[in-house]
Amino acid sequence: MTVHARSRFWTRGRLTGAVLAASVVGVFAAANAHLVAVSVASQPGCVAHIKTPTGEAGAYRAAKPSC
């Protein structure tokens, strides 16, 4: 009879891969949380329009300015 040696599950390669994957997910989650926090905290208010309503090509403006 032969006895099979039980191999370790968390080898160096698997542990490195798991830590790397967890780091990537953590950075992604932190970046998204920062994006949401900045978008909620920003209140741009009323800003002056750079382009005037001349009707010429390339003169883009907001469809309905808020102020």
PDB file of N, CA and C in Angstrom:
ATOM      1  N   MET A   1       0.825  -1.175   0.000  1.00  0.00           N
ATOM      2  CA  MET A   1       0.000   0.000   0.000  1.00  0.00           C
ATOM      3  C   MET A   1       0.872   1.243   0.000  1.00  0.00           C
ATOM      4  N   THR A   2       0.400   2.202  -0.710  1.00  0.00           N
ATOM      5  CA  THR A   2       1.110   3.473  -0.707  1.00  0.00           C
ATOM      6  C   THR A   2       0.262   4.511   0.008  1.00  0.00           C
ATOM      7  N   VAL A   3       0.921   5.335   0.700  1.00  0.00           N
ATOM      8  CA  VAL A   3       0.236   6.412   1.418  1.00  0.00           C
ATOM      9  C   VAL A   3       0.467   7.692   0.629  1.00  0.00           C
ATOM     10  N   HIS A   4      -0.632   8.322   0.262  1.00  0.00           N
ATOM     11  CA  HIS A   4      -0.520   9.577  -0.479  1.00  0.00           C
ATOM     12  C   HIS A   4      -0.278  10.717   0.494  1.00  0.00           C
ATOM     13  N   ALA A   5       0.736  11.455   0.201  1.00  0.00           N
ATOM     14  CA  ALA A   5       1.020  12.618   1.037  1.00  0.00           C
ATOM     15  C   ALA A   5      -0.005  13.704   0.715  1.00  0.00           C
ATOM     16  N   ARG A   6      -0.552  14.267   1.745  1.00  0.00           N
ATOM     17  CA  ARG A   6      -1.551  15.311   1.553  1.00  0.00           C
ATOM     18  C   ARG A   6      -0.825  16.613   1.217  1.00  0.00           C
ATOM     19  N   SER A   7      -1.176  17.184   0.081  1.00  0.00           N
ATOM     20  CA  SER A   7      -0.511  18.418  -0.320  1.00  0.00           C
ATOM     21  C   SER A   7      -1.209  19.612   0.333  1.00  0.00           C
ATOM     22  N   ARG A   8      -0.460  20.632   0.538  1.00  0.00           N
ATOM     23  CA  ARG A   8      -1.003  21.843   1.158  1.00  0.00           C
ATOM     24  C   ARG A   8      -1.812  22.613   0.129  1.00  0.00           C
ATOM     25  N   PHE A   9      -2.946  23.152   0.564  1.00  0.00           N
ATOM     26  CA  PHE A   9      -3.802  23.908  -0.352  1.00  0.00           C
ATOM     27  C   PHE A   9      -3.217  25.287  -0.632  1.00  0.00           C
ATOM     28  N   TRP A  10      -2.768  25.972   0.412  1.00  0.00           N
ATOM     29  CA  TRP A  10      -2.257  27.326   0.242  1.00  0.00           C
ATOM     30  C   TRP A  10      -0.764  27.291  -0.062  1.00  0.00           C
ATOM     31  N   THR A  11      -0.464  26.994  -1.293  1.00  0.00           N
ATOM     32  CA  THR A  11       0.926  27.039  -1.728  1.00  0.00           C
ATOM     33  C   THR A  11       1.323  28.500  -1.936  1.00  0.00           C
ATOM     34  N   ARG A  12       2.591  28.726  -2.160  1.00  0.00           N
ATOM     35  CA  ARG A  12       3.071  30.096  -2.346  1.00  0.00           C
ATOM     36  C   ARG A  12       2.409  30.767  -3.550  1.00  0.00           C
ATOM     37  N   GLY A  13       2.232  30.033  -4.626  1.00  0.00           N
ATOM     38  CA  GLY A  13       1.608  30.601  -5.817  1.00  0.00           C
ATOM     39  C   GLY A  13       0.142  30.948  -5.601  1.00  0.00           C
ATOM     40  N   ARG A  14      -0.590  30.058  -4.943  1.00  0.00           N
ATOM     41  CA  ARG A  14      -2.007  30.330  -4.680  1.00  0.00           C
ATOM     42  C   ARG A  14      -2.176  31.493  -3.709  1.00  0.00           C
ATOM     43  N   LEU A  15      -1.343  31.534  -2.699  1.00  0.00           N
ATOM     44  CA  LEU A  15      -1.424  32.618  -1.729  1.00  0.00           C
ATOM     45  C   LEU A  15      -1.095  33.955  -2.385  1.00  0.00           C
ATOM     46  N   THR A  16      -0.079  33.981  -3.219  1.00  0.00           N
ATOM     47  CA  THR A  16       0.281  35.203  -3.937  1.00  0.00           C
ATOM     48  C   THR A  16      -0.850  35.642  -4.858  1.00  0.00           C
ATOM     49  N   GLY A  17      -1.438  34.694  -5.562  1.00  0.00           N
ATOM     50  CA  GLY A  17      -2.553  35.020  -6.448  1.00  0.00           C
ATOM     51  C   GLY A  17      -3.767  35.532  -5.697  1.00  0.00           C
ATOM     52  N   ALA A  18      -4.068  34.925  -4.549  1.00  0.00           N
ATOM     53  CA  ALA A  18      -5.216  35.360  -3.756  1.00  0.00           C
ATOM     54  C   ALA A  18      -5.001  36.760  -3.195  1.00  0.00           C
ATOM     55  N   VAL A  19      -3.789  37.037  -2.721  1.00  0.00           N
ATOM     56  CA  VAL A  19      -3.484  38.370  -2.194  1.00  0.00           C
ATOM     57  C   VAL A  19      -3.537  39.403  -3.309  1.00  0.00           C
ATOM     58  N   LEU A  20      -3.017  39.072  -4.463  1.00  0.00           N
ATOM     59  CA  LEU A  20      -3.049  39.988  -5.600  1.00  0.00           C
ATOM     60  C   LEU A  20      -4.478  40.256  -6.049  1.00  0.00           C
ATOM     61  N   ALA A  21      -5.299  39.225  -6.141  1.00  0.00           N
ATOM     62  CA  ALA A  21      -6.696  39.401  -6.543  1.00  0.00           C
ATOM     63  C   ALA A  21      -7.461  40.229  -5.520  1.00  0.00           C
ATOM     64  N   ALA A  22      -7.231  39.979  -4.237  1.00  0.00           N
ATOM     65  CA  ALA A  22      -7.903  40.760  -3.195  1.00  0.00           C
ATOM     66  C   ALA A  22      -7.461  42.221  -3.237  1.00  0.00           C
ATOM     67  N   SER A  23      -6.199  42.460  -3.551  1.00  0.00           N
ATOM     68  CA  SER A  23      -5.700  43.832  -3.661  1.00  0.00           C
ATOM     69  C   SER A  23      -6.348  44.565  -4.823  1.00  0.00           C
ATOM     70  N   VAL A  24      -6.478  43.901  -5.951  1.00  0.00           N
ATOM     71  CA  VAL A  24      -7.109  44.513  -7.124  1.00  0.00           C
ATOM     72  C   VAL A  24      -8.567  44.840  -6.823  1.00  0.00           C
ATOM     73  N   VAL A  25      -9.283  43.918  -6.204  1.00  0.00           N
ATOM     74  CA  VAL A  25     -10.687  44.160  -5.856  1.00  0.00           C
ATOM     75  C   VAL A  25     -10.788  45.304  -4.851  1.00  0.00           C
ATOM     76  N   GLY A  26      -9.879  45.366  -3.893  1.00  0.00           N
ATOM     77  CA  GLY A  26      -9.886  46.443  -2.907  1.00  0.00           C
ATOM     78  C   GLY A  26      -9.634  47.806  -3.522  1.00  0.00           C
ATOM     79  N   VAL A  27      -8.676  47.890  -4.430  1.00  0.00           N
ATOM     80  CA  VAL A  27      -8.393  49.163  -5.105  1.00  0.00           C
ATOM     81  C   VAL A  27      -9.575  49.576  -5.968  1.00  0.00           C
ATOM     82  N   PHE A  28     -10.190  48.633  -6.651  1.00  0.00           N
ATOM     83  CA  PHE A  28     -11.360  48.927  -7.482  1.00  0.00           C
ATOM     84  C   PHE A  28     -12.515  49.444  -6.626  1.00  0.00           C
ATOM     85  N   ALA A  29     -12.767  48.802  -5.499  1.00  0.00           N
ATOM     86  CA  ALA A  29     -13.851  49.229  -4.609  1.00  0.00           C
ATOM     87  C   ALA A  29     -13.559  50.604  -4.012  1.00  0.00           C
ATOM     88  N   ALA A  30     -12.313  50.854  -3.635  1.00  0.00           N
ATOM     89  CA  ALA A  30     -11.951  52.157  -3.073  1.00  0.00           C
ATOM     90  C   ALA A  30     -12.088  53.264  -4.113  1.00  0.00           C
ATOM     91  N   ALA A  31     -11.712  52.998  -5.346  1.00  0.00           N
ATOM     92  CA  ALA A  31     -11.841  54.001  -6.402  1.00  0.00           C
ATOM     93  C   ALA A  31     -13.307  54.316  -6.670  1.00  0.00           C
ATOM     94  N   ASN A  32     -14.148  53.304  -6.684  1.00  0.00           N
ATOM     95  CA  ASN A  32     -15.574  53.547  -6.899  1.00  0.00           C
ATOM     96  C   ASN A  32     -16.197  54.286  -5.720  1.00  0.00           C
ATOM     97  N   ALA A  33     -15.790  53.954  -4.504  1.00  0.00           N
ATOM     98  CA  ALA A  33     -16.301  54.669  -3.333  1.00  0.00           C
ATOM     99  C   ALA A  33     -15.881  56.132  -3.373  1.00  0.00           C
ATOM    100  N   HIS A  34     -14.652  56.391  -3.789  1.00  0.00           N
ATOM    101  CA  HIS A  34     -14.189  57.776  -3.918  1.00  0.00           C
ATOM    102  C   HIS A  34     -14.977  58.511  -4.994  1.00  0.00           C
ATOM    103  N   LEU A  35     -15.246  57.864  -6.104  1.00  0.00           N
ATOM    104  CA  LEU A  35     -16.028  58.482  -7.178  1.00  0.00           C
ATOM    105  C   LEU A  35     -17.422  58.853  -6.693  1.00  0.00           C
ATOM    106  N   VAL A  36     -18.066  57.964  -5.967  1.00  0.00           N
ATOM    107  CA  VAL A  36     -19.404  58.244  -5.438  1.00  0.00           C
ATOM    108  C   VAL A  36     -19.342  59.370  -4.411  1.00  0.00           C
ATOM    109  N   ALA A  37     -18.352  59.356  -3.534  1.00  0.00           N
ATOM    110  CA  ALA A  37     -18.232  60.395  -2.513  1.00  0.00           C
ATOM    111  C   ALA A  37     -18.010  61.769  -3.137  1.00  0.00           C
ATOM    112  N   VAL A  38     -17.178  61.849  -4.152  1.00  0.00           N
ATOM    113  CA  VAL A  38     -16.914  63.128  -4.806  1.00  0.00           C
ATOM    114  C   VAL A  38     -18.146  63.608  -5.564  1.00  0.00           C
ATOM    115  N   SER A  39     -18.856  62.709  -6.216  1.00  0.00           N
ATOM    116  CA  SER A  39     -20.037  63.128  -6.974  1.00  0.00           C
ATOM    117  C   SER A  39     -21.163  63.580  -6.058  1.00  0.00           C
ATOM    118  N   VAL A  40     -21.281  62.982  -4.885  1.00  0.00           N
ATOM    119  CA  VAL A  40     -22.317  63.398  -3.942  1.00  0.00           C
ATOM    120  C   VAL A  40     -21.935  64.718  -3.275  1.00  0.00           C
ATOM    121  N   ALA A  41     -20.668  64.912  -2.990  1.00  0.00           N
ATOM    122  CA  ALA A  41     -20.220  66.109  -2.281  1.00  0.00           C
ATOM    123  C   ALA A  41     -20.123  67.337  -3.179  1.00  0.00           C
ATOM    124  N   SER A  42     -19.974  67.161  -4.466  1.00  0.00           N
ATOM    125  CA  SER A  42     -19.788  68.318  -5.344  1.00  0.00           C
ATOM    126  C   SER A  42     -21.131  68.967  -5.651  1.00  0.00           C
ATOM    127  N   GLN A  43     -21.175  70.251  -5.515  1.00  0.00           N
ATOM    128  CA  GLN A  43     -22.353  71.054  -5.824  1.00  0.00           C
ATOM    129  C   GLN A  43     -21.889  72.175  -6.751  1.00  0.00           C
ATOM    130  N   PRO A  44     -21.859  71.938  -8.048  1.00  0.00           N
ATOM    131  CA  PRO A  44     -21.274  72.929  -8.950  1.00  0.00           C
ATOM    132  C   PRO A  44     -22.054  74.235  -9.011  1.00  0.00           C
ATOM    133  N   GLY A  45     -23.356  74.198  -8.758  1.00  0.00           N
ATOM    134  CA  GLY A  45     -24.137  75.426  -8.797  1.00  0.00           C
ATOM    135  C   GLY A  45     -24.259  75.973 -10.205  1.00  0.00           C
ATOM    136  N   CYS A  46     -24.346  77.269 -10.288  1.00  0.00           N
ATOM    137  CA  CYS A  46     -24.568  77.941 -11.561  1.00  0.00           C
ATOM    138  C   CYS A  46     -23.237  78.453 -12.109  1.00  0.00           C
ATOM    139  N   VAL A  47     -22.931  78.126 -13.336  1.00  0.00           N
ATOM    140  CA  VAL A  47     -21.713  78.611 -13.978  1.00  0.00           C
ATOM    141  C   VAL A  47     -22.079  79.331 -15.262  1.00  0.00           C
ATOM    142  N   ALA A  48     -21.252  80.276 -15.631  1.00  0.00           N
ATOM    143  CA  ALA A  48     -21.501  81.024 -16.866  1.00  0.00           C
ATOM    144  C   ALA A  48     -21.197  80.146 -18.073  1.00  0.00           C
ATOM    145  N   HIS A  49     -21.989  80.316 -19.127  1.00  0.00           N
ATOM    146  CA  HIS A  49     -21.771  79.557 -20.358  1.00  0.00           C
ATOM    147  C   HIS A  49     -20.694  80.240 -21.181  1.00  0.00           C
ATOM    148  N   ILE A  50     -19.800  79.449 -21.712  1.00  0.00           N
ATOM    149  CA  ILE A  50     -18.698  79.999 -22.497  1.00  0.00           C
ATOM    150  C   ILE A  50     -19.176  80.394 -23.889  1.00  0.00           C
ATOM    151  N   LYS A  51     -20.009  79.574 -24.466  1.00  0.00           N
ATOM    152  CA  LYS A  51     -20.449  79.833 -25.838  1.00  0.00           C
ATOM    153  C   LYS A  51     -21.765  80.600 -25.835  1.00  0.00           C
ATOM    154  N   THR A  52     -21.911  81.458 -26.793  1.00  0.00           N
ATOM    155  CA  THR A  52     -23.135  82.255 -26.914  1.00  0.00           C
ATOM    156  C   THR A  52     -24.087  81.582 -27.883  1.00  0.00           C
ATOM    157  N   PRO A  53     -25.392  81.845 -27.771  1.00  0.00           N
ATOM    158  CA  PRO A  53     -26.361  81.189 -28.661  1.00  0.00           C
ATOM    159  C   PRO A  53     -26.396  81.827 -30.051  1.00  0.00           C
ATOM    160  N   THR A  54     -25.371  81.609 -30.851  1.00  0.00           N
ATOM    161  CA  THR A  54     -25.319  82.206 -32.186  1.00  0.00           C
ATOM    162  C   THR A  54     -25.944  81.316 -33.240  1.00  0.00           C
ATOM    163  N   GLY A  55     -26.017  80.029 -32.973  1.00  0.00           N
ATOM    164  CA  GLY A  55     -26.601  79.120 -33.948  1.00  0.00           C
ATOM    165  C   GLY A  55     -25.600  78.581 -34.951  1.00  0.00           C
ATOM    166  N   GLU A  56     -24.349  78.991 -34.871  1.00  0.00           N
ATOM    167  CA  GLU A  56     -23.352  78.502 -35.816  1.00  0.00           C
ATOM    168  C   GLU A  56     -22.888  77.106 -35.421  1.00  0.00           C
ATOM    169  N   ALA A  57     -22.288  76.419 -36.357  1.00  0.00           N
ATOM    170  CA  ALA A  57     -21.831  75.057 -36.110  1.00  0.00           C
ATOM    171  C   ALA A  57     -20.735  75.054 -35.056  1.00  0.00           C
ATOM    172  N   GLY A  58     -20.835  74.127 -34.136  1.00  0.00           N
ATOM    173  CA  GLY A  58     -19.831  73.991 -33.100  1.00  0.00           C
ATOM    174  C   GLY A  58     -20.092  74.831 -31.863  1.00  0.00           C
ATOM    175  N   ALA A  59     -21.167  75.592 -31.843  1.00  0.00           N
ATOM    176  CA  ALA A  59     -21.492  76.416 -30.675  1.00  0.00           C
ATOM    177  C   ALA A  59     -22.412  75.622 -29.762  1.00  0.00           C
ATOM    178  N   TYR A  60     -21.845  74.759 -28.953  1.00  0.00           N
ATOM    179  CA  TYR A  60     -22.640  73.888 -28.084  1.00  0.00           C
ATOM    180  C   TYR A  60     -22.954  74.574 -26.768  1.00  0.00           C
ATOM    181  N   ARG A  61     -24.155  74.380 -26.293  1.00  0.00           N
ATOM    182  CA  ARG A  61     -24.601  74.905 -25.007  1.00  0.00           C
ATOM    183  C   ARG A  61     -25.457  73.859 -24.335  1.00  0.00           C
ATOM    184  N   ALA A  62     -25.784  74.107 -23.086  1.00  0.00           N
ATOM    185  CA  ALA A  62     -26.709  73.236 -22.374  1.00  0.00           C
ATOM    186  C   ALA A  62     -28.098  73.398 -22.975  1.00  0.00           C
ATOM    187  N   ALA A  63     -28.848  72.311 -23.058  1.00  0.00           N
ATOM    188  CA  ALA A  63     -30.189  72.381 -23.630  1.00  0.00           C
ATOM    189  C   ALA A  63     -31.080  73.297 -22.804  1.00  0.00           C
ATOM    190  N   LYS A  64     -31.063  73.129 -21.497  1.00  0.00           N
ATOM    191  CA  LYS A  64     -31.831  73.984 -20.595  1.00  0.00           C
ATOM    192  C   LYS A  64     -30.916  74.378 -19.442  1.00  0.00           C
ATOM    193  N   PRO A  65     -30.321  75.566 -19.499  1.00  0.00           N
ATOM    194  CA  PRO A  65     -29.469  75.971 -18.390  1.00  0.00           C
ATOM    195  C   PRO A  65     -30.293  76.090 -17.105  1.00  0.00           C
ATOM    196  N   SER A  66     -29.708  75.747 -15.988  1.00  0.00           N
ATOM    197  CA  SER A  66     -30.451  75.757 -14.733  1.00  0.00           C
ATOM    198  C   SER A  66     -30.560  77.150 -14.126  1.00  0.00           C
ATOM    199  N   CYS A  67     -29.883  78.140 -14.674  1.00  0.00           N
ATOM    200  CA  CYS A  67     -29.983  79.483 -14.099  1.00  0.00           C
ATOM    201  C   CYS A  67     -29.933  80.537 -15.190  1.00  0.00           C
TER     202      CYS A  67
END
